[in-house]
Protein backbone atom coordinates (compact mmCIF):
# COMPACT_ATOMS: atom_id res chain seq x y z
CA UNK A 1 167.85 112.31 16.76
CA UNK A 2 165.09 110.16 17.99
CA UNK A 3 161.88 110.62 16.23
CA UNK A 4 160.33 111.64 19.51
CA UNK A 5 162.29 114.70 19.32
CA UNK A 6 161.35 115.11 15.61
CA UNK A 7 157.51 115.31 16.79
CA UNK A 8 158.08 116.92 19.84
CA UNK A 9 157.19 113.74 22.24
CA UNK A 10 158.45 113.40 25.66
CA UNK A 11 158.73 109.76 25.23
CA UNK A 12 158.14 106.97 22.60
CA UNK A 13 154.34 106.45 22.70
CA UNK A 14 153.97 102.92 21.07
CA UNK A 15 156.58 100.83 22.96
CA UNK A 16 155.57 97.49 23.87
CA UNK A 17 157.39 97.48 26.94
CA UNK A 18 155.18 97.51 30.20
CA UNK A 19 154.54 101.03 31.32
CA UNK A 20 151.39 101.76 33.33
CA UNK A 21 151.25 105.36 32.33
CA UNK A 22 150.15 104.25 28.80
CA UNK A 23 147.60 101.59 30.15
CA UNK A 24 144.37 102.45 27.92
CA UNK A 25 141.36 101.52 29.95
CA UNK A 26 139.13 100.33 27.15
CA UNK A 27 135.36 98.96 27.84
CA UNK A 28 136.23 95.40 27.61
CA UNK A 29 139.29 95.83 29.78
CA UNK A 30 137.41 97.83 32.33
CA UNK A 31 134.65 95.12 32.13
CA UNK A 32 137.29 92.46 32.71
CA UNK A 33 138.98 94.07 35.83
CA UNK A 34 135.60 94.96 37.47
CA UNK A 35 134.67 90.90 37.10
CA UNK A 36 138.08 89.64 38.30
CA UNK A 37 137.93 92.14 41.03
CA UNK A 38 134.37 90.78 41.93
CA UNK A 39 135.73 87.24 41.92
CA UNK A 40 138.57 88.00 44.22
CA UNK A 41 136.61 90.09 46.88
CA UNK A 42 133.69 87.65 46.84
CA UNK A 43 136.28 84.74 47.43
CA UNK A 44 135.09 82.80 44.36
CA UNK A 45 138.46 80.70 43.98
CA UNK A 46 139.28 80.73 40.42
CA UNK A 47 138.78 83.10 37.63
CA UNK A 48 140.25 82.89 34.15
CA UNK A 49 140.83 85.62 31.27
CA UNK A 50 141.54 84.47 27.69
CA UNK A 51 142.76 86.37 24.89
CA UNK A 52 144.73 85.78 21.71
CA UNK A 53 148.28 86.89 21.44
CA UNK A 54 148.88 90.75 21.86
CA UNK A 55 145.34 91.57 23.27
CA UNK A 56 146.58 92.95 26.65
CA UNK A 57 146.33 90.06 28.81
CA UNK A 58 149.61 90.77 30.86
CA UNK A 59 148.89 94.32 30.77
CA UNK A 60 145.76 93.58 32.57
CA UNK A 61 147.30 91.37 34.98
CA UNK A 62 149.71 93.78 35.94
CA UNK A 63 146.96 96.31 36.15
CA UNK A 64 145.05 93.95 38.40
CA UNK A 65 148.01 93.64 40.60
CA UNK A 66 148.23 97.37 40.86
CA UNK A 67 144.58 97.30 41.98
CA UNK A 68 145.52 95.10 45.10
CA UNK A 69 146.79 97.32 47.78
CA UNK A 70 148.86 95.50 50.44
CA UNK A 71 146.67 96.75 53.22
CA UNK A 72 143.69 94.53 51.85
CA UNK A 73 145.57 92.07 49.82
CA UNK A 74 148.65 89.57 49.89
CA UNK A 75 149.09 89.29 46.35
CA UNK A 76 151.70 88.07 43.71
CA UNK A 77 151.99 87.80 39.87
CA UNK A 78 153.91 84.61 38.75
CA UNK A 79 154.61 84.29 34.81
CA UNK A 80 155.01 81.04 33.57
CA UNK A 81 158.02 81.19 31.04
CA UNK A 82 157.86 77.40 29.97
CA UNK A 83 155.99 74.20 29.76
CA UNK A 84 158.45 72.20 31.84
CA UNK A 85 157.10 73.76 35.14
CA UNK A 86 156.42 71.19 37.68
CA UNK A 87 153.90 70.99 40.69
CA UNK A 88 156.61 71.33 43.34
CA UNK A 89 157.91 74.29 41.56
CA UNK A 90 154.51 75.91 41.53
CA UNK A 91 153.60 75.03 45.13
CA UNK A 92 157.01 76.29 46.47
CA UNK A 93 156.71 79.66 44.38
CA UNK A 94 153.41 80.49 45.45
CA UNK A 95 154.37 79.62 49.02
CA UNK A 96 157.06 82.07 48.98
CA UNK A 97 155.29 84.74 47.16
CA UNK A 98 152.45 84.70 49.81
CA UNK A 99 155.12 85.08 52.50
CA UNK A 100 156.13 81.51 53.90
CA UNK A 101 159.62 81.55 55.32
CA UNK A 102 161.78 78.67 54.45
CA UNK A 103 159.55 76.49 52.37
CA UNK A 104 159.76 72.84 53.21
CA UNK A 105 161.12 70.40 50.82
CA UNK A 106 158.43 68.00 51.02
CA UNK A 107 154.89 68.50 49.75
CA UNK A 108 152.49 67.61 52.88
CA UNK A 109 154.74 69.91 54.83
CA UNK A 110 154.98 72.84 52.62
CA UNK A 111 151.00 72.55 52.14
CA UNK A 112 150.74 72.82 56.02
CA UNK A 113 152.97 75.74 56.09
CA UNK A 114 151.02 77.56 53.31
CA UNK A 115 147.91 76.81 55.15
CA UNK A 116 149.13 78.38 58.10
CA UNK A 117 150.20 81.26 56.13
CA UNK A 118 146.93 81.40 54.60
CA UNK A 119 145.01 81.60 58.01
CA UNK A 120 147.42 84.17 59.08
CA UNK A 121 146.60 86.32 56.22
CA UNK A 122 142.72 85.98 56.91
CA UNK A 123 143.47 86.94 60.53
CA UNK A 124 145.02 90.02 59.17
CA UNK A 125 141.90 90.83 57.14
CA UNK A 126 143.41 90.48 53.93
CA UNK A 127 142.81 88.17 50.88
CA UNK A 128 145.19 85.99 49.40
CA UNK A 129 145.40 86.41 45.47
CA UNK A 130 147.71 84.64 43.02
CA UNK A 131 147.68 85.85 39.52
CA UNK A 132 149.02 83.40 37.01
CA UNK A 133 150.31 85.03 33.58
CA UNK A 134 150.81 82.89 30.52
CA UNK A 135 148.62 80.23 32.05
CA UNK A 136 148.67 78.11 29.06
CA UNK A 137 151.98 76.87 29.71
CA UNK A 138 150.45 74.76 32.62
CA UNK A 139 150.02 71.66 30.19
CA UNK A 140 149.73 68.69 32.45
CA UNK A 141 147.07 67.19 34.43
CA UNK A 142 149.23 67.07 37.58
CA UNK A 143 149.57 70.90 37.52
CA UNK A 144 145.76 71.32 37.41
CA UNK A 145 145.39 68.78 40.14
CA UNK A 146 147.87 70.96 42.25
CA UNK A 147 145.73 74.07 41.42
CA UNK A 148 142.55 72.17 42.40
CA UNK A 149 144.25 71.06 45.71
CA UNK A 150 145.20 74.91 46.49
CA UNK A 151 141.62 75.93 46.13
CA UNK A 152 140.58 73.17 48.74
CA UNK A 153 142.63 75.40 51.40
CA UNK A 154 139.70 77.04 53.13
CA UNK A 155 137.94 77.31 56.26
CA UNK A 156 134.09 76.89 57.04
CA UNK A 157 132.17 79.27 54.55
CA UNK A 158 135.52 81.00 53.07
CA UNK A 159 138.21 80.24 50.47
CA UNK A 160 141.54 81.07 51.70
CA UNK A 161 143.13 81.38 48.27
CA UNK A 162 142.04 83.31 45.01
CA UNK A 163 143.72 82.32 41.67
CA UNK A 164 143.47 84.11 38.80
CA UNK A 165 144.55 82.60 35.32
CA UNK A 166 145.64 84.92 32.37
CA UNK A 167 146.26 83.09 29.08
CA UNK A 168 145.78 82.13 25.62
CA UNK A 169 142.72 80.05 24.34
CA UNK A 170 144.59 77.00 24.99
CA UNK A 171 143.84 77.58 28.67
CA UNK A 172 140.52 76.00 28.04
CA UNK A 173 142.58 72.79 27.07
CA UNK A 174 144.65 73.20 30.16
CA UNK A 175 141.70 73.13 32.22
CA UNK A 176 139.94 70.19 30.63
CA UNK A 177 142.96 68.20 31.80
CA UNK A 178 140.92 68.13 35.32
CA UNK A 179 136.99 68.30 34.84
CA UNK A 180 136.51 68.92 38.59
CA UNK A 181 139.04 72.31 38.35
CA UNK A 182 137.31 73.50 34.97
CA UNK A 183 133.78 73.30 37.05
CA UNK A 184 135.52 75.58 39.55
CA UNK A 185 135.98 78.41 37.30
CA UNK A 186 133.66 81.06 38.87
CA UNK A 187 134.44 83.97 36.34
CA UNK A 188 135.73 83.64 32.88
CA UNK A 189 136.56 86.57 30.45
CA UNK A 190 137.26 86.62 26.89
CA UNK A 191 139.26 89.52 25.60
CA UNK A 192 138.78 90.50 22.05
CA UNK A 193 140.61 92.64 19.60
CA UNK A 194 139.98 96.42 19.17
CA UNK A 195 137.20 97.62 16.99
CA UNK A 196 138.12 100.34 14.45
CA UNK A 197 136.86 103.45 16.72
CA UNK A 198 138.63 101.88 19.79
CA UNK A 199 141.61 101.49 17.66
CA UNK A 200 141.74 105.43 16.80
CA UNK A 201 141.09 106.21 20.58
CA UNK A 202 143.79 104.00 21.53
CA UNK A 203 146.29 105.56 19.39
CA UNK A 204 145.15 109.09 20.22
CA UNK A 205 145.44 108.19 24.07
CA UNK A 206 148.82 106.82 23.68
CA UNK A 207 150.31 110.01 21.79
CA UNK A 208 148.70 112.18 24.61
CA UNK A 209 150.35 110.42 27.40
CA UNK A 210 153.66 110.65 25.16
CA UNK A 211 153.03 114.46 25.12
CA UNK A 212 151.58 115.01 21.68
CA UNK A 213 149.90 117.96 20.84
CA UNK A 214 147.99 116.92 17.79
CA UNK A 215 146.88 113.66 16.09
CA UNK A 216 149.90 112.45 14.02
CA UNK A 217 148.07 110.09 11.97
CA UNK A 218 146.35 111.05 8.80
CA UNK A 219 142.46 110.17 9.37
CA UNK A 220 142.48 107.79 6.34
CA UNK A 221 145.50 105.88 7.80
CA UNK A 222 143.88 104.93 10.91
CA UNK A 223 141.36 102.44 9.39
CA UNK A 224 144.26 100.94 7.15
CA UNK A 225 146.47 100.52 10.51
CA UNK A 226 143.47 98.64 12.42
CA UNK A 227 143.31 96.26 9.21
CA UNK A 228 146.84 95.61 9.12
CA UNK A 229 147.02 95.00 12.86
CA UNK A 230 143.84 93.13 13.02
CA UNK A 231 143.06 95.49 16.15
CA UNK A 232 145.48 93.52 18.21
CA UNK A 233 146.97 96.22 20.56
CA UNK A 234 150.70 94.74 20.28
CA UNK A 235 150.48 95.05 16.47
CA UNK A 236 149.13 98.38 16.45
CA UNK A 237 152.07 99.46 18.66
CA UNK A 238 154.33 97.71 16.48
CA UNK A 239 153.12 99.19 13.38
CA UNK A 240 152.32 102.64 14.64
CA UNK A 241 155.88 102.91 16.17
CA UNK A 242 157.74 101.98 12.63
CA UNK A 243 155.19 104.29 10.92
CA UNK A 244 156.21 107.22 12.91
CA UNK A 245 160.05 106.35 12.48
CA UNK A 246 159.31 105.98 8.90
CA UNK A 247 157.69 109.64 8.71
CA UNK A 248 160.87 111.16 10.64
CA UNK A 249 162.99 109.71 8.32
CA UNK A 250 161.00 111.22 5.43
CA UNK A 251 160.93 114.43 7.25
CA UNK A 252 157.26 114.33 7.29
CA UNK A 253 155.01 115.42 10.50
CA UNK A 254 152.32 113.23 9.59
CA UNK A 255 151.88 109.42 8.92
CA UNK A 256 149.99 109.10 5.48
CA UNK A 257 148.68 105.94 3.66
CA UNK A 258 151.87 105.50 1.97
CA UNK A 259 153.83 105.45 4.98
CA UNK A 260 151.41 102.83 6.53
CA UNK A 261 151.69 100.67 3.62
CA UNK A 262 155.53 100.77 3.70
CA UNK A 263 155.79 99.93 7.17
CA UNK A 264 153.18 97.16 7.22
CA UNK A 265 155.38 95.78 4.02
CA UNK A 266 158.56 95.97 6.21
CA UNK A 267 156.83 93.96 9.08
CA UNK A 268 155.42 91.36 6.83
CA UNK A 269 151.84 92.21 7.74
CA UNK A 270 150.70 92.83 4.10
CA UNK A 271 149.27 89.27 4.19
CA UNK A 272 147.20 90.08 7.49
CA UNK A 273 144.45 92.19 5.61
CA UNK A 274 143.96 90.99 2.08
CA UNK A 275 140.97 93.08 2.12
CA UNK A 276 142.82 96.42 2.94
CA UNK A 277 141.98 98.80 0.15
CA UNK A 278 144.94 99.38 -1.87
CA UNK A 279 146.83 96.91 -0.27
CA UNK A 280 150.12 96.35 -1.87
CA UNK A 281 152.22 93.27 -3.07
CA UNK A 282 155.38 95.42 -2.26
CA UNK A 283 155.80 98.58 0.02
CA UNK A 284 157.22 100.77 -2.34
CA UNK A 285 155.70 104.13 -3.60
CA UNK A 286 151.76 103.97 -4.73
CA UNK A 287 151.38 105.05 -8.15
CA UNK A 288 147.86 106.14 -7.72
CA UNK A 289 146.74 107.73 -4.42
CA UNK A 290 143.37 108.91 -5.79
CA UNK A 291 142.47 105.43 -6.87
CA UNK A 292 143.51 103.99 -3.69
CA UNK A 293 141.29 106.29 -1.46
CA UNK A 294 138.49 105.57 -3.70
CA UNK A 295 138.97 101.79 -3.02
CA UNK A 296 139.10 102.71 0.66
CA UNK A 297 135.94 104.52 0.56
CA UNK A 298 134.15 101.89 -1.39
CA UNK A 299 135.17 99.29 1.03
CA UNK A 300 133.85 100.96 4.18
């Protein structure tokens, strides 16, 4: 029996697999999406979203794509999977995603095809938008120059293509490879880790979507989950998932502090939070629960 059955859930609440049903519209994600949509609808050209590992950049990129209906936008999402990408590959891929049939093998011909396609999109009353996820993989000056060239595809008073980068902080270094491109960033948003109260709300949200009828984490367990995860959504998911599985193995209905410490130890997260009250060198049973709770209260 899976732990979802043990807890009476319809599905696993803390999977890191993309699932629009679990999207958590935090204040900062809402603000990020608002600004990015403004950049696109105002034809600003280039917008950038930066965040650490696991802070929800890919989730936000997919959310934005969902907010670009076909009747108003010609849009695509490209994920950069490695740093060996060439300008030719980028140009060809963008052209194909935006509807260029049979892309030409030569750059100048391909640019002409893309420009003509962008004019068609504009004539249809749509906006062309390309979202680039894992943009920190764009590590050469040639790639940055290619994007600058794409932003030059315009008609009087209007840019024909909007580009949005989503990536790690290293994106800043990539942009610095071509200063004229860096100066064209019209909107920039930095995603931060979740605060403690947002972490609790996030956990409850995912449980509700999964069909939970009650909170399955003890109140004093949530601050420790926040500390071990650093407020990073991906780590919150991983830790909470392991906690629920551990509770299931122990035939418990609630995740308590003992389980959180145990799961964090198994995941190698103990070193992430040296300030966690009652943090353990090992993840065995706690000898003195009351003492640990006292330290928890003192720290907060």
